[in-house]
Amino acid sequence: MDDPGTGADSATPAQVVARQRAELERLRHLAATSAVLERAKGALMALTGCAPDAADQELRRRAEAGGRTLLEQCRLTLGSLPPQEPSLQ
């Protein structure tokens, strides 16, 4: 019988592990997506001088207009940047 105070359910250990693996994969994907989004926003801000919220809105607008996901648009934006000169230190 389940104990409502512990939040335990009738899942088998294999089901629990499968859920934990799925959640870990979801979080990894979210972290990778967030990193790409932040880089693309930073690049757009540097090129246009806009604020972070405006950069985010512009990336989302471009994605929607092009029928792409936000992640695809971010990668396109980052891929279109001119190569940087190595800094001499």
N, C-alpha and C. Protein backbone atom coordinates (compact mmCIF):
# COMPACT_ATOMS: atom_id res chain seq x y z
N MET A 1 0.84 -1.18 0.00
CA MET A 1 0.00 0.00 0.00
C MET A 1 0.89 1.24 0.00
N ASP A 2 0.52 2.23 -0.77
CA ASP A 2 1.28 3.47 -0.86
C ASP A 2 1.09 4.30 0.40
N ASP A 3 2.15 4.98 0.79
CA ASP A 3 2.09 5.88 1.94
C ASP A 3 1.97 7.30 1.40
N PRO A 4 0.80 7.94 1.52
CA PRO A 4 0.62 9.28 0.95
C PRO A 4 1.56 10.31 1.57
N GLY A 5 2.06 10.08 2.75
CA GLY A 5 2.95 11.02 3.40
C GLY A 5 4.34 11.04 2.81
N THR A 6 4.75 9.97 2.14
CA THR A 6 6.11 9.90 1.59
C THR A 6 6.14 10.19 0.10
N GLY A 7 4.99 10.21 -0.54
CA GLY A 7 4.96 10.45 -1.98
C GLY A 7 5.38 9.23 -2.77
N ALA A 8 5.53 8.09 -2.12
CA ALA A 8 5.94 6.87 -2.80
C ALA A 8 4.79 6.36 -3.67
N ASP A 9 5.15 5.75 -4.79
CA ASP A 9 4.13 5.15 -5.63
C ASP A 9 4.52 3.70 -5.87
N SER A 10 3.79 3.05 -6.74
CA SER A 10 4.01 1.63 -6.96
C SER A 10 4.99 1.36 -8.10
N ALA A 11 5.82 2.33 -8.45
CA ALA A 11 6.77 2.17 -9.55
C ALA A 11 7.87 1.18 -9.15
N THR A 12 8.28 0.40 -10.13
CA THR A 12 9.39 -0.52 -9.90
C THR A 12 10.69 0.27 -9.95
N PRO A 13 11.75 -0.30 -9.41
CA PRO A 13 13.05 0.40 -9.49
C PRO A 13 13.45 0.71 -10.94
N ALA A 14 13.15 -0.16 -11.86
CA ALA A 14 13.48 0.08 -13.27
C ALA A 14 12.71 1.27 -13.81
N GLN A 15 11.45 1.42 -13.41
CA GLN A 15 10.65 2.56 -13.86
C GLN A 15 11.18 3.86 -13.27
N VAL A 16 11.60 3.81 -12.02
CA VAL A 16 12.16 5.00 -11.37
C VAL A 16 13.44 5.42 -12.09
N VAL A 17 14.30 4.45 -12.38
CA VAL A 17 15.56 4.74 -13.08
C VAL A 17 15.27 5.30 -14.47
N ALA A 18 14.30 4.74 -15.17
CA ALA A 18 13.95 5.22 -16.50
C ALA A 18 13.45 6.66 -16.44
N ARG A 19 12.62 6.98 -15.44
CA ARG A 19 12.14 8.35 -15.28
C ARG A 19 13.29 9.30 -14.96
N GLN A 20 14.20 8.86 -14.11
CA GLN A 20 15.34 9.71 -13.74
C GLN A 20 16.25 9.95 -14.95
N ARG A 21 16.45 8.93 -15.76
CA ARG A 21 17.27 9.09 -16.97
C ARG A 21 16.60 10.06 -17.95
N ALA A 22 15.30 9.94 -18.11
CA ALA A 22 14.57 10.84 -19.01
C ALA A 22 14.66 12.28 -18.50
N GLU A 23 14.52 12.47 -17.20
CA GLU A 23 14.62 13.80 -16.62
C GLU A 23 16.03 14.36 -16.78
N LEU A 24 17.04 13.53 -16.59
CA LEU A 24 18.42 13.97 -16.77
C LEU A 24 18.66 14.39 -18.22
N GLU A 25 18.15 13.64 -19.17
CA GLU A 25 18.30 14.00 -20.58
C GLU A 25 17.57 15.30 -20.89
N ARG A 26 16.39 15.48 -20.33
CA ARG A 26 15.63 16.72 -20.53
C ARG A 26 16.42 17.92 -19.98
N LEU A 27 17.01 17.76 -18.81
CA LEU A 27 17.78 18.85 -18.21
C LEU A 27 19.06 19.13 -18.99
N ARG A 28 19.71 18.11 -19.51
CA ARG A 28 20.90 18.31 -20.35
C ARG A 28 20.54 19.10 -21.60
N HIS A 29 19.43 18.73 -22.22
CA HIS A 29 18.98 19.43 -23.43
C HIS A 29 18.65 20.89 -23.10
N LEU A 30 17.98 21.11 -21.99
CA LEU A 30 17.63 22.47 -21.57
C LEU A 30 18.88 23.31 -21.33
N ALA A 31 19.89 22.73 -20.68
CA ALA A 31 21.13 23.45 -20.42
C ALA A 31 21.84 23.80 -21.72
N ALA A 32 21.90 22.86 -22.65
CA ALA A 32 22.56 23.11 -23.93
C ALA A 32 21.81 24.17 -24.73
N THR A 33 20.50 24.09 -24.72
CA THR A 33 19.69 25.07 -25.44
C THR A 33 19.85 26.45 -24.83
N SER A 34 19.84 26.53 -23.52
CA SER A 34 20.00 27.81 -22.84
C SER A 34 21.34 28.44 -23.15
N ALA A 35 22.39 27.63 -23.20
CA ALA A 35 23.73 28.15 -23.49
C ALA A 35 23.78 28.74 -24.90
N VAL A 36 23.20 28.04 -25.87
CA VAL A 36 23.20 28.53 -27.25
C VAL A 36 22.36 29.80 -27.36
N LEU A 37 21.22 29.83 -26.68
CA LEU A 37 20.36 31.02 -26.70
C LEU A 37 21.10 32.23 -26.11
N GLU A 38 21.77 32.05 -25.00
CA GLU A 38 22.49 33.16 -24.38
C GLU A 38 23.63 33.66 -25.26
N ARG A 39 24.33 32.75 -25.91
CA ARG A 39 25.41 33.15 -26.82
C ARG A 39 24.85 33.94 -28.00
N ALA A 40 23.75 33.46 -28.57
CA ALA A 40 23.16 34.15 -29.71
C ALA A 40 22.63 35.52 -29.30
N LYS A 41 22.01 35.60 -28.13
CA LYS A 41 21.54 36.90 -27.65
C LYS A 41 22.73 37.85 -27.45
N GLY A 42 23.80 37.36 -26.88
CA GLY A 42 24.98 38.19 -26.68
C GLY A 42 25.56 38.69 -27.99
N ALA A 43 25.61 37.82 -28.98
CA ALA A 43 26.12 38.22 -30.29
C ALA A 43 25.23 39.28 -30.91
N LEU A 44 23.93 39.09 -30.85
CA LEU A 44 23.00 40.06 -31.41
C LEU A 44 23.09 41.40 -30.67
N MET A 45 23.25 41.35 -29.37
CA MET A 45 23.40 42.56 -28.58
C MET A 45 24.67 43.30 -28.98
N ALA A 46 25.76 42.58 -29.17
CA ALA A 46 27.03 43.20 -29.55
C ALA A 46 26.95 43.82 -30.94
N LEU A 47 26.25 43.16 -31.85
CA LEU A 47 26.15 43.67 -33.22
C LEU A 47 25.20 44.86 -33.36
N THR A 48 24.13 44.85 -32.58
CA THR A 48 23.10 45.87 -32.76
C THR A 48 23.02 46.88 -31.62
N GLY A 49 23.61 46.54 -30.49
CA GLY A 49 23.54 47.43 -29.33
C GLY A 49 22.21 47.36 -28.60
N CYS A 50 21.42 46.34 -28.88
CA CYS A 50 20.11 46.23 -28.24
C CYS A 50 20.22 45.62 -26.85
N ALA A 51 19.14 45.70 -26.11
CA ALA A 51 19.06 45.14 -24.76
C ALA A 51 18.81 43.62 -24.85
N PRO A 52 19.07 42.90 -23.75
CA PRO A 52 18.86 41.44 -23.75
C PRO A 52 17.44 41.03 -24.14
N ASP A 53 16.44 41.72 -23.61
CA ASP A 53 15.05 41.36 -23.94
C ASP A 53 14.75 41.59 -25.42
N ALA A 54 15.30 42.66 -25.97
CA ALA A 54 15.09 42.94 -27.39
C ALA A 54 15.78 41.89 -28.26
N ALA A 55 16.96 41.46 -27.85
CA ALA A 55 17.68 40.42 -28.59
C ALA A 55 16.89 39.11 -28.56
N ASP A 56 16.35 38.77 -27.41
CA ASP A 56 15.55 37.55 -27.27
C ASP A 56 14.32 37.64 -28.18
N GLN A 57 13.63 38.76 -28.15
CA GLN A 57 12.44 38.93 -28.99
C GLN A 57 12.79 38.86 -30.47
N GLU A 58 13.92 39.45 -30.85
CA GLU A 58 14.33 39.42 -32.26
C GLU A 58 14.65 38.01 -32.72
N LEU A 59 15.34 37.24 -31.88
CA LEU A 59 15.64 35.85 -32.23
C LEU A 59 14.35 35.05 -32.39
N ARG A 60 13.42 35.25 -31.49
CA ARG A 60 12.13 34.54 -31.57
C ARG A 60 11.34 34.97 -32.81
N ARG A 61 11.38 36.26 -33.13
CA ARG A 61 10.68 36.77 -34.31
C ARG A 61 11.28 36.15 -35.57
N ARG A 62 12.62 36.13 -35.65
CA ARG A 62 13.28 35.55 -36.82
C ARG A 62 12.97 34.06 -36.95
N ALA A 63 12.95 33.36 -35.83
CA ALA A 63 12.65 31.93 -35.86
C ALA A 63 11.24 31.69 -36.40
N GLU A 64 10.29 32.46 -35.89
CA GLU A 64 8.90 32.30 -36.33
C GLU A 64 8.75 32.66 -37.81
N ALA A 65 9.38 33.76 -38.21
CA ALA A 65 9.27 34.21 -39.60
C ALA A 65 9.89 33.19 -40.56
N GLY A 66 10.93 32.52 -40.12
CA GLY A 66 11.59 31.55 -40.97
C GLY A 66 11.09 30.13 -40.82
N GLY A 67 10.10 29.93 -39.94
CA GLY A 67 9.56 28.59 -39.73
C GLY A 67 10.57 27.65 -39.08
N ARG A 68 11.41 28.22 -38.20
CA ARG A 68 12.44 27.44 -37.53
C ARG A 68 12.17 27.42 -36.03
N THR A 69 12.83 26.49 -35.36
CA THR A 69 12.79 26.50 -33.90
C THR A 69 13.73 27.59 -33.41
N LEU A 70 13.57 27.97 -32.17
CA LEU A 70 14.45 28.98 -31.59
C LEU A 70 15.90 28.50 -31.59
N LEU A 71 16.11 27.24 -31.28
CA LEU A 71 17.46 26.68 -31.27
C LEU A 71 18.08 26.74 -32.67
N GLU A 72 17.31 26.41 -33.70
CA GLU A 72 17.82 26.50 -35.08
C GLU A 72 18.20 27.93 -35.42
N GLN A 73 17.34 28.88 -35.03
CA GLN A 73 17.64 30.28 -35.32
C GLN A 73 18.89 30.74 -34.59
N CYS A 74 19.06 30.34 -33.37
CA CYS A 74 20.26 30.71 -32.60
C CYS A 74 21.51 30.18 -33.29
N ARG A 75 21.45 28.94 -33.73
CA ARG A 75 22.62 28.36 -34.42
C ARG A 75 22.90 29.07 -35.73
N LEU A 76 21.85 29.44 -36.46
CA LEU A 76 22.04 30.20 -37.70
C LEU A 76 22.67 31.56 -37.40
N THR A 77 22.20 32.21 -36.37
CA THR A 77 22.74 33.51 -35.98
C THR A 77 24.21 33.40 -35.62
N LEU A 78 24.55 32.42 -34.81
CA LEU A 78 25.95 32.24 -34.41
C LEU A 78 26.82 31.83 -35.59
N GLY A 79 26.27 31.04 -36.50
CA GLY A 79 27.02 30.60 -37.67
C GLY A 79 27.26 31.70 -38.69
N SER A 80 26.48 32.76 -38.61
CA SER A 80 26.61 33.85 -39.57
C SER A 80 27.59 34.94 -39.12
N LEU A 81 28.13 34.78 -37.92
CA LEU A 81 29.07 35.79 -37.40
C LEU A 81 30.37 35.74 -38.17
N PRO A 82 30.96 36.89 -38.42
CA PRO A 82 32.26 36.90 -39.09
C PRO A 82 33.33 36.30 -38.16
N PRO A 83 34.34 35.65 -38.74
CA PRO A 83 35.39 35.09 -37.88
C PRO A 83 36.13 36.20 -37.15
N GLN A 84 36.53 35.93 -35.95
CA GLN A 84 37.25 36.93 -35.16
C GLN A 84 38.74 36.76 -35.35
N GLU A 85 39.42 37.89 -35.31
CA GLU A 85 40.87 37.89 -35.35
C GLU A 85 41.39 37.42 -33.99
N PRO A 86 42.42 36.60 -33.98
CA PRO A 86 42.96 36.19 -32.67
C PRO A 86 43.57 37.41 -31.98
N SER A 87 43.34 37.51 -30.69
CA SER A 87 43.86 38.66 -29.95
C SER A 87 45.33 38.42 -29.63
N LEU A 88 46.09 39.48 -29.75
CA LEU A 88 47.52 39.42 -29.43
C LEU A 88 47.72 39.87 -28.01
N GLN A 89 48.27 39.01 -27.20
CA GLN A 89 48.50 39.37 -25.80
C GLN A 89 49.92 39.20 -25.41
